[in-house]
Protein backbone atom coordinates (compact mmCIF):
# COMPACT_ATOMS: atom_id res chain seq x y z
CA UNK A 1 35.16 -7.60 -6.03
CA UNK A 2 32.41 -6.12 -4.14
CA UNK A 3 28.57 -7.72 -4.33
CA UNK A 4 25.94 -5.57 -5.52
CA UNK A 5 23.21 -4.73 -2.62
CA UNK A 6 20.62 -7.17 -2.87
CA UNK A 7 16.90 -5.02 -2.72
CA UNK A 8 13.74 -6.21 -1.06
CA UNK A 9 10.55 -3.72 -1.35
CA UNK A 10 7.83 -4.92 0.98
CA UNK A 11 4.51 -3.28 0.19
CA UNK A 12 1.50 -3.99 2.66
CA UNK A 13 -1.94 -3.48 1.78
CA UNK A 14 -4.59 -1.21 3.49
CA UNK A 15 -2.21 -1.05 6.48
CA UNK A 16 -2.87 2.43 8.40
CA UNK A 17 -0.08 4.54 9.50
CA UNK A 18 -0.60 3.13 13.60
CA UNK A 19 -0.82 0.19 12.72
CA UNK A 20 2.69 -0.97 13.73
CA UNK A 21 4.50 -1.22 17.54
CA UNK A 22 7.26 1.43 15.86
CA UNK A 23 4.38 4.10 15.29
CA UNK A 24 2.43 3.33 18.38
CA UNK A 25 0.12 0.20 17.94
CA UNK A 26 -0.76 -2.57 20.25
CA UNK A 27 -0.46 -4.94 17.46
CA UNK A 28 2.62 -7.21 17.95
CA UNK A 29 4.82 -6.70 14.82
CA UNK A 30 8.72 -7.14 16.41
CA UNK A 31 10.33 -7.70 13.02
CA UNK A 32 9.27 -4.84 11.36
CA UNK A 33 9.84 -2.57 14.87
CA UNK A 34 13.41 -4.36 15.09
CA UNK A 35 14.25 -3.21 11.00
CA UNK A 36 12.98 0.32 12.19
CA UNK A 37 15.49 0.45 15.23
CA UNK A 38 18.15 -0.85 13.44
CA UNK A 39 17.50 1.47 10.47
CA UNK A 40 15.73 4.64 9.57
CA UNK A 41 11.78 5.10 10.38
CA UNK A 42 10.66 8.02 8.29
CA UNK A 43 7.12 9.45 9.19
CA UNK A 44 6.26 11.50 6.17
CA UNK A 45 6.27 9.03 3.22
CA UNK A 46 3.23 9.32 1.03
CA UNK A 47 1.43 6.67 -0.92
CA UNK A 48 -1.46 7.60 -3.50
CA UNK A 49 -4.20 6.87 -1.64
CA UNK A 50 -5.47 3.83 -3.46
CA UNK A 51 -3.83 0.03 -3.93
CA UNK A 52 -3.48 -0.04 -7.80
CA UNK A 53 -2.64 3.79 -8.31
CA UNK A 54 0.40 3.73 -5.59
CA UNK A 55 1.53 0.43 -7.13
CA UNK A 56 1.54 1.35 -10.58
CA UNK A 57 3.95 4.71 -9.10
CA UNK A 58 6.06 2.65 -6.83
CA UNK A 59 7.17 0.44 -10.03
CA UNK A 60 7.59 3.38 -12.08
CA UNK A 61 8.73 6.41 -10.58
CA UNK A 62 6.08 8.29 -12.02
CA UNK A 63 2.74 9.77 -10.88
CA UNK A 64 0.26 7.13 -11.44
CA UNK A 65 -1.58 9.05 -14.40
CA UNK A 66 1.87 9.07 -15.84
CA UNK A 67 2.08 5.43 -15.53
CA UNK A 68 -1.51 4.48 -16.55
CA UNK A 69 -3.44 4.16 -13.63
CA UNK A 70 -5.11 7.58 -12.98
CA UNK A 71 -8.04 5.18 -11.32
CA UNK A 72 -7.86 1.97 -10.88
CA UNK A 73 -8.24 -0.85 -13.54
CA UNK A 74 -11.11 -0.06 -15.63
CA UNK A 75 -10.31 1.95 -18.86
CA UNK A 76 -11.61 5.04 -19.06
CA UNK A 77 -10.66 5.99 -21.99
CA UNK A 78 -7.36 8.07 -21.76
CA UNK A 79 -3.72 7.00 -21.53
CA UNK A 80 -3.80 8.34 -17.93
CA UNK A 81 -6.66 6.44 -17.25
CA UNK A 82 -6.52 2.91 -19.26
CA UNK A 83 -5.94 0.89 -15.90
CA UNK A 84 -2.56 -0.94 -16.89
CA UNK A 85 1.02 -0.12 -17.13
CA UNK A 86 1.79 2.04 -20.28
CA UNK A 87 4.40 1.09 -22.61
CA UNK A 88 6.44 4.57 -22.04
CA UNK A 89 6.68 3.69 -18.32
CA UNK A 90 8.90 1.06 -17.33
CA UNK A 91 8.97 -1.11 -13.94
CA UNK A 92 11.88 -1.11 -11.16
CA UNK A 93 12.59 -4.97 -13.19
CA UNK A 94 12.74 -3.58 -16.15
CA UNK A 95 15.63 -0.97 -15.05
CA UNK A 96 17.50 -3.29 -12.77
CA UNK A 97 17.52 -6.40 -15.50
CA UNK A 98 20.04 -4.80 -17.72
CA UNK A 99 21.99 -4.32 -14.83
CA UNK A 100 22.57 -7.82 -13.83
CA UNK A 101 19.70 -8.49 -11.33
CA UNK A 102 17.20 -11.64 -11.21
CA UNK A 103 13.80 -9.55 -10.69
CA UNK A 104 11.81 -11.61 -8.05
CA UNK A 105 8.11 -11.18 -7.23
CA UNK A 106 5.61 -12.30 -5.10
CA UNK A 107 2.17 -11.52 -4.17
CA UNK A 108 -0.31 -9.10 -5.64
CA UNK A 109 0.26 -7.44 -8.80
CA UNK A 110 -3.17 -5.20 -9.73
CA UNK A 111 -1.40 -2.78 -12.31
CA UNK A 112 -2.80 -4.79 -15.50
CA UNK A 113 -6.66 -4.08 -15.91
CA UNK A 114 -9.93 -5.25 -14.68
CA UNK A 115 -10.55 -8.88 -13.93
CA UNK A 116 -13.79 -9.89 -12.71
CA UNK A 117 -13.33 -12.64 -9.91
CA UNK A 118 -16.38 -14.73 -10.56
CA UNK A 119 -15.38 -14.78 -14.40
CA UNK A 120 -11.96 -16.40 -14.09
CA UNK A 121 -12.51 -18.37 -16.95
CA UNK A 122 -12.82 -15.89 -19.25
CA UNK A 123 -9.59 -13.84 -18.00
CA UNK A 124 -7.16 -12.60 -21.01
CA UNK A 125 -4.16 -12.91 -19.00
CA UNK A 126 -1.16 -12.16 -20.63
CA UNK A 127 -2.98 -9.75 -23.44
CA UNK A 128 -1.78 -6.34 -24.23
CA UNK A 129 -4.24 -4.62 -21.79
CA UNK A 130 -3.54 -7.20 -19.20
CA UNK A 131 0.17 -7.88 -18.90
CA UNK A 132 1.84 -10.11 -16.28
CA UNK A 133 5.04 -9.30 -14.07
CA UNK A 134 7.03 -11.76 -16.51
CA UNK A 135 5.93 -8.90 -19.31
CA UNK A 136 7.16 -6.13 -17.46
CA UNK A 137 10.57 -7.09 -16.58
CA UNK A 138 10.41 -9.99 -13.70
CA UNK A 139 11.76 -13.35 -13.82
CA UNK A 140 10.05 -15.03 -11.44
CA UNK A 141 6.39 -14.31 -10.43
CA UNK A 142 4.17 -16.19 -8.10
CA UNK A 143 0.74 -14.59 -6.80
CA UNK A 144 -2.13 -12.87 -7.97
CA UNK A 145 -2.74 -10.83 -11.08
CA UNK A 146 -5.91 -8.50 -9.54
CA UNK A 147 -6.26 -6.74 -6.25
CA UNK A 148 -8.00 -9.08 -3.93
CA UNK A 149 -8.07 -12.72 -2.81
CA UNK A 150 -9.60 -15.23 -0.60
CA UNK A 151 -6.47 -15.97 1.74
CA UNK A 152 -7.30 -19.84 2.51
CA UNK A 153 -8.77 -20.10 -0.87
CA UNK A 154 -7.70 -17.65 -4.03
CA UNK A 155 -9.97 -17.99 -7.27
CA UNK A 156 -7.05 -17.13 -9.34
CA UNK A 157 -3.30 -17.49 -8.91
CA UNK A 158 -0.12 -17.57 -11.10
CA UNK A 159 3.11 -19.17 -10.83
CA UNK A 160 5.62 -17.93 -13.47
CA UNK A 161 3.25 -18.07 -16.73
CA UNK A 162 1.10 -21.18 -15.49
CA UNK A 163 -2.08 -21.06 -13.51
CA UNK A 164 -2.02 -22.80 -10.04
CA UNK A 165 -4.87 -25.10 -9.29
CA UNK A 166 -4.02 -27.12 -6.31
CA UNK A 167 -3.97 -25.56 -2.71
CA UNK A 168 -2.58 -27.68 0.28
CA UNK A 169 -5.16 -27.44 3.17
CA UNK A 170 -2.99 -25.29 5.47
CA UNK A 171 -2.65 -22.79 2.47
CA UNK A 172 -2.92 -19.18 3.74
CA UNK A 173 -1.79 -16.54 1.21
CA UNK A 174 0.44 -14.18 3.34
CA UNK A 175 2.70 -17.30 4.44
CA UNK A 176 2.41 -18.81 0.59
CA UNK A 177 3.78 -15.71 -0.89
CA UNK A 178 6.71 -15.65 1.70
CA UNK A 179 7.86 -18.85 1.38
CA UNK A 180 8.16 -18.89 -2.37
CA UNK A 181 9.86 -15.66 -2.12
CA UNK A 182 12.49 -17.27 0.05
CA UNK A 183 13.28 -20.21 -2.79
CA UNK A 184 13.09 -17.48 -5.32
CA UNK A 185 16.31 -16.05 -3.40
CA UNK A 186 17.58 -19.21 -2.79
CA UNK A 187 17.76 -19.92 -6.21
CA UNK A 188 19.54 -16.29 -6.87
CA UNK A 189 22.10 -16.78 -4.23
CA UNK A 190 23.11 -20.21 -5.90
CA UNK A 191 23.48 -18.65 -9.18
CA UNK A 192 25.53 -15.72 -7.62
CA UNK A 193 23.16 -13.15 -8.80
CA UNK A 194 22.14 -9.86 -6.83
CA UNK A 195 18.22 -9.95 -6.62
CA UNK A 196 15.24 -7.68 -6.50
CA UNK A 197 12.45 -9.08 -4.90
CA UNK A 198 9.09 -7.27 -4.70
CA UNK A 199 7.33 -8.60 -1.78
CA UNK A 200 3.78 -7.39 -2.34
CA UNK A 201 1.50 -8.41 0.33
CA UNK A 202 -2.68 -8.52 0.36
CA UNK A 203 -2.49 -8.54 4.21
CA UNK A 204 -4.64 -6.93 5.57
CA UNK A 205 -6.83 -5.76 3.26
CA UNK A 206 -10.10 -7.58 3.79
CA UNK A 207 -11.51 -10.22 3.56
CA UNK A 208 -10.68 -10.81 7.11
CA UNK A 209 -9.06 -14.12 7.36
CA UNK A 210 -6.57 -15.40 9.83
CA UNK A 211 -5.24 -18.23 11.87
CA UNK A 212 -7.38 -19.24 14.65
CA UNK A 213 -4.27 -19.06 16.98
CA UNK A 214 -3.22 -15.61 15.82
CA UNK A 215 -7.00 -14.10 16.28
CA UNK A 216 -6.69 -15.64 19.98
CA UNK A 217 -3.60 -13.57 20.72
CA UNK A 218 -5.87 -10.80 20.39
CA UNK A 219 -8.89 -12.40 22.37
CA UNK A 220 -10.23 -9.40 24.54
CA UNK A 221 -7.64 -6.60 23.45
CA UNK A 222 -10.35 -4.75 21.33
CA UNK A 223 -13.29 -4.93 23.90
CA UNK A 224 -12.39 -1.60 25.25
CA UNK A 225 -13.27 -0.16 21.46
CA UNK A 226 -12.32 2.38 18.79
CA UNK A 227 -12.82 5.22 20.79
CA UNK A 228 -9.76 4.22 23.67
CA UNK A 229 -7.88 2.06 21.57
CA UNK A 230 -7.46 5.02 18.97
CA UNK A 231 -6.64 7.21 22.05
CA UNK A 232 -4.33 4.84 23.72
CA UNK A 233 -2.38 4.74 20.32
CA UNK A 234 -1.95 8.54 20.19
CA UNK A 235 -0.58 8.53 24.01
CA UNK A 236 1.87 5.85 23.07
CA UNK A 237 3.17 7.58 19.73
CA UNK A 238 3.22 11.00 22.01
CA UNK A 239 5.44 9.00 24.65
CA UNK A 240 7.59 7.63 22.05
CA UNK A 241 8.11 11.20 20.34
CA UNK A 242 7.26 9.56 16.99
CA UNK A 243 6.80 13.16 15.73
CA UNK A 244 8.67 16.35 15.40
CA UNK A 245 5.28 17.71 17.59
CA UNK A 246 2.62 16.14 19.95
CA UNK A 247 -0.26 17.28 17.51
CA UNK A 248 -3.84 17.09 18.52
CA UNK A 249 -5.15 14.21 17.63
CA UNK A 250 -7.97 14.41 15.04
CA UNK A 251 -11.64 14.26 16.34
CA UNK A 252 -13.04 10.57 15.57
CA UNK A 253 -14.88 10.61 12.30
CA UNK A 254 -18.44 12.09 12.09
CA UNK A 255 -20.03 9.15 10.89
CA UNK A 256 -18.46 7.04 13.36
CA UNK A 257 -20.48 6.80 16.23
CA UNK A 258 -19.20 6.28 19.61
CA UNK A 259 -18.55 3.02 21.44
CA UNK A 260 -20.98 3.37 24.61
CA UNK A 261 -23.77 3.22 21.18
CA UNK A 262 -22.49 0.21 19.61
CA UNK A 263 -24.90 -3.00 19.50
CA UNK A 264 -22.70 -5.52 18.35
CA UNK A 265 -19.88 -4.95 20.31
CA UNK A 266 -18.45 -8.88 20.51
CA UNK A 267 -18.63 -8.80 16.71
CA UNK A 268 -16.86 -5.46 16.10
CA UNK A 269 -13.91 -6.47 18.76
CA UNK A 270 -13.36 -9.60 16.77
CA UNK A 271 -13.14 -7.67 13.45
CA UNK A 272 -10.69 -5.93 14.86
CA UNK A 273 -8.85 -8.83 16.47
CA UNK A 274 -9.02 -10.58 13.06
CA UNK A 275 -7.10 -7.61 11.33
CA UNK A 276 -4.54 -7.12 13.76
CA UNK A 277 -4.14 -11.14 13.46
CA UNK A 278 -3.70 -10.53 10.02
CA UNK A 279 -1.13 -7.67 10.43
CA UNK A 280 0.70 -9.85 13.45
CA UNK A 281 1.07 -12.77 10.85
CA UNK A 282 2.47 -10.54 7.86
CA UNK A 283 5.46 -9.47 10.40
CA UNK A 284 6.06 -13.01 11.09
CA UNK A 285 6.18 -13.68 7.57
CA UNK A 286 8.81 -10.81 7.37
CA UNK A 287 10.93 -12.61 10.37
CA UNK A 288 10.89 -15.55 7.99
CA UNK A 289 12.44 -13.79 5.33
CA UNK A 290 14.83 -12.35 7.45
CA UNK A 291 15.99 -15.22 8.89
CA UNK A 292 16.23 -16.97 5.42
CA UNK A 293 18.54 -13.84 4.46
CA UNK A 294 20.54 -14.59 7.39
CA UNK A 295 20.67 -18.22 6.79
CA UNK A 296 21.90 -17.14 3.39
CA UNK A 297 24.45 -14.73 4.21
CA UNK A 298 22.76 -11.87 2.65
CA UNK A 299 21.25 -9.85 5.21
CA UNK A 300 23.72 -7.15 5.60
CA UNK A 301 24.10 -6.38 1.97
CA UNK A 302 20.57 -6.12 1.66
CA UNK A 303 18.36 -2.75 1.58
CA UNK A 304 14.87 -3.57 2.79
CA UNK A 305 12.20 -1.15 2.22
CA UNK A 306 8.76 -1.51 4.00
CA UNK A 307 5.50 0.80 3.85
CA UNK A 308 1.88 0.27 3.00
CA UNK A 309 0.28 1.38 -0.52
CA UNK A 310 -2.85 3.61 1.59
CA UNK A 311 -4.28 4.27 4.58
CA UNK A 312 -6.61 2.06 6.61
CA UNK A 313 -9.81 1.13 4.73
CA UNK A 314 -13.18 2.33 5.53
CA UNK A 315 -14.86 0.21 3.04
CA UNK A 316 -18.00 -1.61 4.50
CA UNK A 317 -18.58 -5.15 2.66
CA UNK A 318 -22.14 -5.06 1.47
CA UNK A 319 -23.28 -8.57 0.20
CA UNK A 320 -24.74 -6.53 -2.57
CA UNK A 321 -22.02 -4.33 -3.08
CA UNK A 322 -18.00 -5.51 -3.18
CA UNK A 323 -19.02 -8.99 -2.21
CA UNK A 324 -20.91 -9.27 -4.95
CA UNK A 325 -18.00 -9.71 -7.37
CA UNK A 326 -16.28 -12.39 -5.36
CA UNK A 327 -16.69 -16.18 -5.49
CA UNK A 328 -19.06 -17.30 -2.53
CA UNK A 329 -17.65 -20.71 -2.35
CA UNK A 330 -14.42 -22.09 -1.52
CA UNK A 331 -12.05 -24.20 -3.99
CA UNK A 332 -13.52 -27.65 -2.25
CA UNK A 333 -17.01 -26.36 -2.81
CA UNK A 334 -17.53 -24.92 0.78
CA UNK A 335 -20.36 -22.14 1.18
CA UNK A 336 -19.01 -18.56 1.87
CA UNK A 337 -21.45 -16.06 4.04
CA UNK A 338 -20.84 -13.07 2.16
CA UNK A 339 -21.15 -9.66 3.67
CA UNK A 340 -20.65 -7.81 7.25
CA UNK A 341 -23.13 -9.61 8.53
CA UNK A 342 -23.28 -9.37 12.56
CA UNK A 343 -24.38 -13.02 13.16
CA UNK A 344 -21.55 -14.42 11.38
CA UNK A 345 -17.82 -13.81 13.38
CA UNK A 346 -15.27 -13.00 10.94
CA UNK A 347 -11.94 -14.97 10.28
CA UNK A 348 -12.66 -18.32 8.91
CA UNK A 349 -12.49 -19.39 5.58
CA UNK A 350 -16.30 -19.22 5.15
CA UNK A 351 -16.55 -15.87 5.63
CA UNK A 352 -15.88 -12.52 4.02
CA UNK A 353 -15.99 -8.96 5.52
CA UNK A 354 -14.43 -5.92 6.44
CA UNK A 355 -13.36 -3.92 9.33
CA UNK A 356 -15.27 -0.87 8.46
CA UNK A 357 -14.95 2.80 8.99
CA UNK A 358 -14.89 2.93 12.65
CA UNK A 359 -11.57 0.54 13.37
CA UNK A 360 -9.89 2.28 10.31
CA UNK A 361 -10.07 5.52 11.85
CA UNK A 362 -8.08 3.61 14.56
CA UNK A 363 -5.59 2.80 11.97
CA UNK A 364 -4.96 5.99 10.42
CA UNK A 365 -4.57 7.77 14.21
CA UNK A 366 -3.74 10.93 14.45
CA UNK A 367 -5.03 11.54 11.34
CA UNK A 368 -8.03 12.43 9.11
CA UNK A 369 -10.27 9.99 6.67
CA UNK A 370 -8.99 7.16 5.17
CA UNK A 371 -8.26 5.32 1.86
CA UNK A 372 -9.25 7.02 -1.10
CA UNK A 373 -8.93 10.60 0.11
CA UNK A 374 -5.72 12.71 0.29
CA UNK A 375 -6.07 14.02 3.56
CA UNK A 376 -3.19 12.93 5.83
CA UNK A 377 -5.15 9.25 6.84
CA UNK A 378 -5.44 8.49 3.45
CA UNK A 379 -1.92 8.86 2.09
CA UNK A 380 0.36 8.63 5.36
CA UNK A 381 2.39 5.38 5.81
CA UNK A 382 5.38 4.85 7.73
CA UNK A 383 8.51 3.94 5.65
CA UNK A 384 11.06 1.21 7.28
CA UNK A 385 14.57 1.12 5.67
CA UNK A 386 17.22 -0.97 6.47
CA UNK A 387 20.57 -1.68 5.41
CA UNK A 388 23.31 -2.81 7.72
CA UNK A 389 26.18 -2.11 4.94
CA UNK A 390 24.70 0.82 3.78
CA UNK A 391 22.48 2.79 6.15
CA UNK A 392 23.12 3.32 10.04
CA UNK A 393 20.87 3.14 12.57
CA UNK A 394 19.54 6.39 12.98
CA UNK A 395 16.58 8.70 14.34
CA UNK A 396 13.26 8.79 13.17
CA UNK A 397 13.12 11.31 10.40
CA UNK A 398 10.74 13.71 9.13
CA UNK A 399 11.13 15.17 5.45
CA UNK A 400 8.12 14.55 3.47
CA UNK A 401 8.62 12.16 0.07
CA UNK A 402 6.67 10.11 -2.02
CA UNK A 403 6.26 6.27 -3.19
CA UNK A 404 7.19 8.01 -6.78
CA UNK A 405 10.65 8.20 -5.34
CA UNK A 406 11.48 4.71 -4.43
CA UNK A 407 12.42 3.65 -7.81
CA UNK A 408 15.58 6.39 -8.36
CA UNK A 409 16.20 5.56 -4.62
CA UNK A 410 16.67 1.82 -5.62
CA UNK A 411 18.45 2.83 -8.94
CA UNK A 412 20.71 4.87 -7.00
CA UNK A 413 21.48 2.56 -4.33
CA UNK A 414 22.25 -0.47 -7.01
CA UNK A 415 24.25 1.55 -9.21
CA UNK A 416 21.68 0.82 -12.13
CA UNK A 417 20.54 3.19 -15.06
CA UNK A 418 17.21 4.63 -15.66
CA UNK A 419 16.14 3.26 -18.76
CA UNK A 420 15.14 5.61 -21.73
CA UNK A 421 14.21 2.74 -24.03
CA UNK A 422 12.20 -0.36 -22.93
CA UNK A 423 11.24 -2.95 -25.68
CA UNK A 424 11.20 -0.20 -28.13
CA UNK A 425 9.69 2.52 -26.49
CA UNK A 426 10.69 5.34 -25.35
CA UNK A 427 10.19 6.08 -21.49
CA UNK A 428 9.10 9.03 -19.78
CA UNK A 429 11.55 10.87 -17.66
CA UNK A 430 11.74 9.76 -13.93
CA UNK A 431 9.46 11.71 -11.59
CA UNK A 432 10.68 10.93 -8.73
CA UNK A 433 13.79 11.90 -6.88
CA UNK A 434 16.12 9.68 -4.84
CA UNK A 435 15.99 9.93 -0.90
CA UNK A 436 18.88 8.31 -0.43
CA UNK A 437 20.76 11.34 1.10
CA UNK A 438 17.91 11.21 3.88
CA UNK A 439 18.45 7.67 4.78
CA UNK A 440 22.05 7.71 4.78
CA UNK A 441 22.64 11.16 6.71
CA UNK A 442 19.09 12.93 7.11
CA UNK A 443 20.51 15.82 4.97
CA UNK A 444 17.82 15.79 2.04
CA UNK A 445 15.01 17.89 0.92
CA UNK A 446 12.65 17.58 -2.23
CA UNK A 447 13.23 19.33 -5.11
CA UNK A 448 9.84 19.44 -6.22
CA UNK A 449 6.23 19.58 -4.79
CA UNK A 450 4.27 15.92 -4.00
CA UNK A 451 1.56 15.85 -5.93
CA UNK A 452 -2.34 13.87 -5.43
CA UNK A 453 -5.22 13.26 -7.20
CA UNK A 454 -7.56 10.07 -6.78
CA UNK A 455 -11.47 10.48 -7.37
CA UNK A 456 -11.15 14.22 -7.42
CA UNK A 457 -9.70 14.44 -4.06
CA UNK A 458 -7.18 16.66 -4.71
CA UNK A 459 -3.60 17.80 -2.90
CA UNK A 460 -0.13 19.16 -3.28
CA UNK A 461 2.22 19.54 -0.80
CA UNK A 462 5.46 21.36 -0.80
CA UNK A 463 8.21 22.04 2.21
CA UNK A 464 5.98 22.89 5.24
CA UNK A 465 2.45 23.26 3.19
CA UNK A 466 -0.07 21.37 1.90
CA UNK A 467 -2.96 22.50 -0.15
CA UNK A 468 -5.85 19.82 0.08
CA UNK A 469 -9.97 19.32 -0.97
CA UNK A 470 -12.20 16.84 -0.94
CA UNK A 471 -13.93 15.63 -4.33
CA UNK A 472 -16.66 18.91 -4.68
CA UNK A 473 -15.22 20.89 -1.58
CA UNK A 474 -13.15 23.83 -1.18
CA UNK A 475 -9.50 23.90 -0.93
CA UNK A 476 -7.72 23.83 2.39
CA UNK A 477 -4.72 25.03 3.09
CA UNK A 478 -2.48 23.49 5.99
CA UNK A 479 0.92 24.26 8.13
CA UNK A 480 2.34 20.53 8.17
CA UNK A 481 4.59 21.20 10.55
CA UNK A 482 2.55 22.47 13.10
CA UNK A 483 -0.61 20.84 12.53
CA UNK A 484 0.01 17.66 10.13
CA UNK A 485 -3.48 16.56 11.49
CA UNK A 486 -5.23 19.34 9.61
CA UNK A 487 -7.46 20.90 12.14
CA UNK A 488 -6.44 24.47 11.11
CA UNK A 489 -7.55 25.56 8.16
CA UNK A 490 -5.35 28.46 6.71
CA UNK A 491 -7.14 28.59 3.21
CA UNK A 492 -8.04 32.55 2.26
CA UNK A 493 -4.69 33.78 4.43
CA UNK A 494 -2.00 32.08 2.82
CA UNK A 495 -1.17 34.63 0.22
CA UNK A 496 1.60 33.84 -2.36
CA UNK A 497 2.10 30.60 -1.02
CA UNK A 498 -1.45 29.42 -1.43
CA UNK A 499 -1.76 30.75 -5.17
CA UNK A 500 1.65 29.06 -5.86
CA UNK A 501 0.62 25.84 -4.68
CA UNK A 502 -2.59 25.87 -6.76
CA UNK A 503 -0.97 26.62 -9.72
CA UNK A 504 1.17 24.10 -9.27
CA UNK A 505 -1.18 21.33 -8.76
CA UNK A 506 -3.14 23.00 -12.22
CA UNK A 507 0.12 22.69 -14.00
CA UNK A 508 0.70 18.87 -12.93
CA UNK A 509 -3.28 17.98 -13.72
CA UNK A 510 -2.54 19.12 -17.23
CA UNK A 511 0.63 17.42 -17.96
CA UNK A 512 -0.59 14.23 -16.69
CA UNK A 513 -3.76 14.08 -18.05
CA UNK A 514 -5.90 14.28 -14.91
CA UNK A 515 -9.22 14.49 -16.04
CA UNK A 516 -12.66 15.82 -14.01
CA UNK A 517 -13.80 13.29 -11.82
CA UNK A 518 -17.12 14.07 -12.68
CA UNK A 519 -16.86 13.01 -16.52
CA UNK A 520 -14.89 10.23 -15.15
CA UNK A 521 -17.13 8.54 -12.65
CA UNK A 522 -20.24 7.58 -14.86
CA UNK A 523 -17.61 5.68 -16.93
CA UNK A 524 -16.36 3.67 -14.04
CA UNK A 525 -19.72 3.08 -12.33
CA UNK A 526 -21.23 1.57 -16.01
CA UNK A 527 -17.79 -0.62 -16.11
CA UNK A 528 -18.30 -2.12 -12.69
CA UNK A 529 -22.00 -2.28 -12.57
CA UNK A 530 -22.07 -0.46 -9.91
CA UNK A 531 -24.64 2.55 -8.39
CA UNK A 532 -21.81 4.01 -6.20
CA UNK A 533 -17.95 4.19 -6.18
CA UNK A 534 -18.22 3.24 -2.23
CA UNK A 535 -18.99 -0.13 -3.51
């Protein structure tokens, strides 16, 4: 009897397109790079520009608004913006369980409403508007239900349905979720059950926390600054022939000053070294997982998919902004220095910083903008696919696809049916399209356009053309085959193509319940207690 293939879906958090060795980075990611060499690397995979909208879409095969997470976790008053997975959506786990799969999750959930990190004793985990992975089809779960954690001292973690209160002295979230995932796989193999593992990292999302030995590997690497690093990555991409054309790199973001004008160069270099160490450690953990799959004789018949939830994150960690939401002491009572303070070097458990816009501009090379936005820097991720029994090693492929397509691809690989009803609730039709043909033969084109909306930032891509705008700005039109770095705006000259894209986008917003961001923003600011959405 032929055993069903296993599936391991690995999601990085806030990893930019250019942060892997296989996409031009100086960061050491040998394990992911080897998966790309022995499998397929897709250069035009898109996410939803922000963490939980991407997770909702990835898990359900629906666009974020259709899944209930049109923005983030705050309930903004409509089904498209309720902030947690809708009952008329079903997760990959809920589709695979009836096909005999053990469904496993380790890492970050973040599709279950808002949780205030400083108020964990008041959390209502498991309520109808705060569903856990175990309530949405997963047999096992270990990790966090909200969106951010202290890597050495988490404020709230669950194992299955029980809170984890004790952490060893050597605890590090990236290592811990991998170790737990391996244990779950071992149990599945012992029970002779095919498994689906969703390994959802928080690395390299802020706070900047890493092991000292990993940071030391990048000592001095970023002393040359962000301009030189960004240029070097672009030159490496071109030398590799990463894209179908060597597009011109987008200019340094206009809100980023030249490295020569930076006064705190040692601190800035240390921030990027810590970020690199977080990516490095994530890759090491993936290597540990691969070794376990080989030891258990599961590697050859396991489809591994790796991608990121959005582009590099330009968020500044202000002491009175995002930082105010998170505990300022560790679980053993030590004081944490909160915020991006140049007098505090990042990396240790007693710091809480972000790497900020200049380095995010490096992560997203050669593209424009960042997480939150739907220009290419915010929505582009490499996708690495590896499956020795099902995918032959092949050249890099450039056909565009979207995280909404991952669920139907997994269902085709496993032979599982898309459920029309789960738990007595009718399930919406899948909005994604399987791209298994792209992975196996390279012969595949998406039938429908790809749509994006986040905080009023909007886009639609169909074939080679993309219509895009920042919130409050005019529409722009780009030929993505000639100009994916979005430097030559063709708006007003696109004729019927431009008109058709706009019409398709408008129809999609009506169908999915997209709201005018000017109406939603005040609700969000009130819910979060902020004066600016930038935190």
